[in-house]
Amino acid sequence: MKPNRIAGAVIATAVTLGGAAAEAGEITVKMLNRGEAGAMVFEPEFIRAEVGDTVRFVPTDKGHNAETIKGFLPDGAEPFTGKINEEIVVELTEEGLYGIRCKPHFGLGMVALIQAGAPVNLDEVRDVTGPKRVKAKFADWFGRL
């Protein structure tokens, strides 16, 4: 093999291996009593991710959990319920919007929205039921999509 072909083969292999290693990412979300957006929040609250990424919910302050909101998942995605004061790591297996809440503080508006890829299930989740603060947050986030 000529030197230029060897160099080209080495570069192609490095790019291929490097691309495979960078496919999935991890996003950390803190569960807080007080954050930049106020009291009882996930930080960040609005997460843009890709299918295959994982989201790590960390109970930075005590008394919180992370769980899916019933009916607020992409088709084929599995609901999850984290335990109070315990970290939970979730893989985003399907494209769409995932509604997340802290069960003890849902009434105070402690929710998050994860967009994995395109918001393909927006029409199905647009009419969120819940407390006034929850509806207002989701309406704001839907306006950004």
Protein backbone atom coordinates (compact mmCIF):
# COMPACT_ATOMS: atom_id res chain seq x y z
CA MET A 1 0.00 0.00 0.00
CA LYS A 2 1.25 3.48 -0.79
CA PRO A 3 1.82 5.92 2.11
CA ASN A 4 -1.18 8.10 1.13
CA ARG A 5 -3.50 5.07 1.07
CA ILE A 6 -2.24 3.88 4.46
CA ALA A 7 -2.79 7.33 5.97
CA GLY A 8 -6.26 7.45 4.42
CA ALA A 9 -7.14 4.02 5.84
CA VAL A 10 -5.91 5.02 9.31
CA ILE A 11 -7.93 8.28 9.23
CA ALA A 12 -11.06 6.48 7.99
CA THR A 13 -10.76 3.90 10.77
CA ALA A 14 -10.25 6.59 13.42
CA VAL A 15 -13.27 8.57 12.20
CA THR A 16 -15.42 5.44 12.17
CA LEU A 17 -14.39 4.38 15.69
CA GLY A 18 -14.66 7.92 17.01
CA GLY A 19 -18.17 8.25 15.60
CA ALA A 20 -19.29 5.03 17.24
CA ALA A 21 -18.01 6.16 20.63
CA ALA A 22 -19.85 9.48 20.36
CA GLU A 23 -23.26 8.05 19.44
CA ALA A 24 -25.01 8.09 22.82
CA GLY A 25 -24.73 10.76 25.48
CA GLU A 26 -25.73 11.18 29.09
CA ILE A 27 -27.60 14.14 30.49
CA THR A 28 -27.69 14.83 34.22
CA VAL A 29 -30.84 16.35 35.70
CA LYS A 30 -30.81 17.58 39.30
CA MET A 31 -33.90 17.33 41.53
CA LEU A 32 -33.85 20.50 43.63
CA ASN A 33 -35.79 22.27 46.37
CA ARG A 34 -34.67 25.55 44.80
CA GLY A 35 -33.06 26.21 41.45
CA GLU A 36 -32.71 28.95 38.86
CA ALA A 37 -36.40 28.63 37.89
CA GLY A 38 -37.69 28.74 41.49
CA ALA A 39 -38.79 26.22 44.08
CA MET A 40 -39.25 22.48 43.54
CA VAL A 41 -37.65 22.07 40.12
CA PHE A 42 -35.76 19.73 37.88
CA GLU A 43 -32.64 21.40 36.51
CA PRO A 44 -32.68 21.53 33.57
CA GLU A 45 -36.45 21.35 33.14
CA PHE A 46 -36.49 21.22 29.33
CA ILE A 47 -34.08 18.71 27.82
CA ARG A 48 -33.25 18.17 24.16
CA ALA A 49 -31.71 14.76 23.59
CA GLU A 50 -31.37 12.02 21.00
CA VAL A 51 -32.77 8.51 20.93
CA GLY A 52 -30.21 6.29 22.67
CA ASP A 53 -29.13 8.98 25.15
CA THR A 54 -29.53 8.36 28.85
CA VAL A 55 -30.89 10.78 31.42
CA ARG A 56 -29.58 10.55 34.98
CA PHE A 57 -31.96 12.05 37.57
CA VAL A 58 -29.96 12.97 40.69
CA PRO A 59 -31.72 13.68 44.01
CA THR A 60 -29.52 16.66 44.85
CA ASP A 61 -32.00 17.64 47.59
CA LYS A 62 -34.00 15.10 49.62
CA GLY A 63 -37.68 14.30 49.11
CA HIS A 64 -37.80 13.97 45.30
CA ASN A 65 -38.25 11.31 42.67
CA ALA A 66 -38.53 11.22 38.89
CA GLU A 67 -41.26 9.31 37.09
CA THR A 68 -43.13 9.44 33.82
CA ILE A 69 -46.49 11.15 33.60
CA LYS A 70 -49.17 8.62 32.65
CA GLY A 71 -49.94 8.79 28.93
CA PHE A 72 -47.12 11.27 28.27
CA LEU A 73 -44.64 9.03 26.46
CA PRO A 74 -43.80 8.17 22.86
CA ASP A 75 -45.33 4.96 21.52
CA GLY A 76 -43.22 1.98 22.59
CA ALA A 77 -41.44 3.79 25.44
CA GLU A 78 -41.58 2.12 28.85
CA PRO A 79 -42.87 4.16 31.80
CA PHE A 80 -40.60 4.40 34.85
CA THR A 81 -40.92 5.32 38.51
CA GLY A 82 -37.91 6.28 40.56
CA LYS A 83 -37.88 5.90 44.33
CA ILE A 84 -37.81 8.91 46.64
CA ASN A 85 -34.22 10.07 47.32
CA GLU A 86 -32.75 7.62 44.80
CA GLU A 87 -30.95 8.26 41.53
CA ILE A 88 -32.51 6.77 38.43
CA VAL A 89 -30.96 6.42 34.97
CA VAL A 90 -33.29 6.15 31.99
CA GLU A 91 -32.46 5.33 28.38
CA LEU A 92 -34.48 7.19 25.76
CA THR A 93 -35.51 4.34 23.47
CA GLU A 94 -38.12 6.06 21.32
CA GLU A 95 -38.36 9.36 19.49
CA GLY A 96 -40.76 11.91 20.94
CA LEU A 97 -41.73 13.79 24.08
CA TYR A 98 -41.42 12.38 27.59
CA GLY A 99 -43.30 14.09 30.44
CA ILE A 100 -41.56 13.70 33.80
CA ARG A 101 -42.79 14.61 37.27
CA CYS A 102 -41.76 14.49 40.90
CA LYS A 103 -44.75 12.76 42.47
CA PRO A 104 -44.60 14.55 45.87
CA HIS A 105 -44.25 17.99 44.23
CA PHE A 106 -46.36 17.63 41.09
CA GLY A 107 -48.96 20.02 42.53
CA LEU A 108 -46.21 22.62 42.90
CA GLY A 109 -45.30 22.28 39.23
CA MET A 110 -42.21 20.07 39.54
CA VAL A 111 -42.14 18.68 36.01
CA ALA A 112 -39.68 18.28 33.16
CA LEU A 113 -40.00 17.74 29.43
CA ILE A 114 -37.58 15.61 27.45
CA GLN A 115 -37.55 15.86 23.66
CA ALA A 116 -35.76 12.88 22.13
CA GLY A 117 -35.32 13.64 18.45
CA ALA A 118 -38.44 15.06 16.81
CA PRO A 119 -41.58 15.76 18.89
CA VAL A 120 -43.58 13.11 16.99
CA ASN A 121 -46.20 12.66 19.74
CA LEU A 122 -46.94 16.36 20.32
CA ASP A 123 -50.60 16.06 19.29
CA GLU A 124 -51.13 13.16 21.70
CA VAL A 125 -49.62 14.96 24.72
CA ARG A 126 -50.63 18.57 24.01
CA ASP A 127 -53.69 18.47 26.31
CA VAL A 128 -51.82 17.91 29.55
CA THR A 129 -53.99 17.49 32.60
CA GLY A 130 -52.73 18.60 35.93
CA PRO A 131 -52.29 21.60 38.19
CA LYS A 132 -52.24 25.11 36.74
CA ARG A 133 -48.46 25.47 37.07
CA VAL A 134 -47.91 22.21 35.21
CA LYS A 135 -50.17 23.24 32.32
CA ALA A 136 -48.42 26.62 32.08
CA LYS A 137 -44.94 25.06 31.94
CA PHE A 138 -45.88 22.54 29.28
CA ALA A 139 -47.67 25.21 27.21
CA ASP A 140 -44.50 27.32 27.31
CA TRP A 141 -42.28 24.39 26.30
CA PHE A 142 -44.63 23.29 23.51
CA GLY A 143 -44.32 26.82 22.12
CA ARG A 144 -40.55 26.33 21.79
CA LEU A 145 -40.75 23.11 19.76
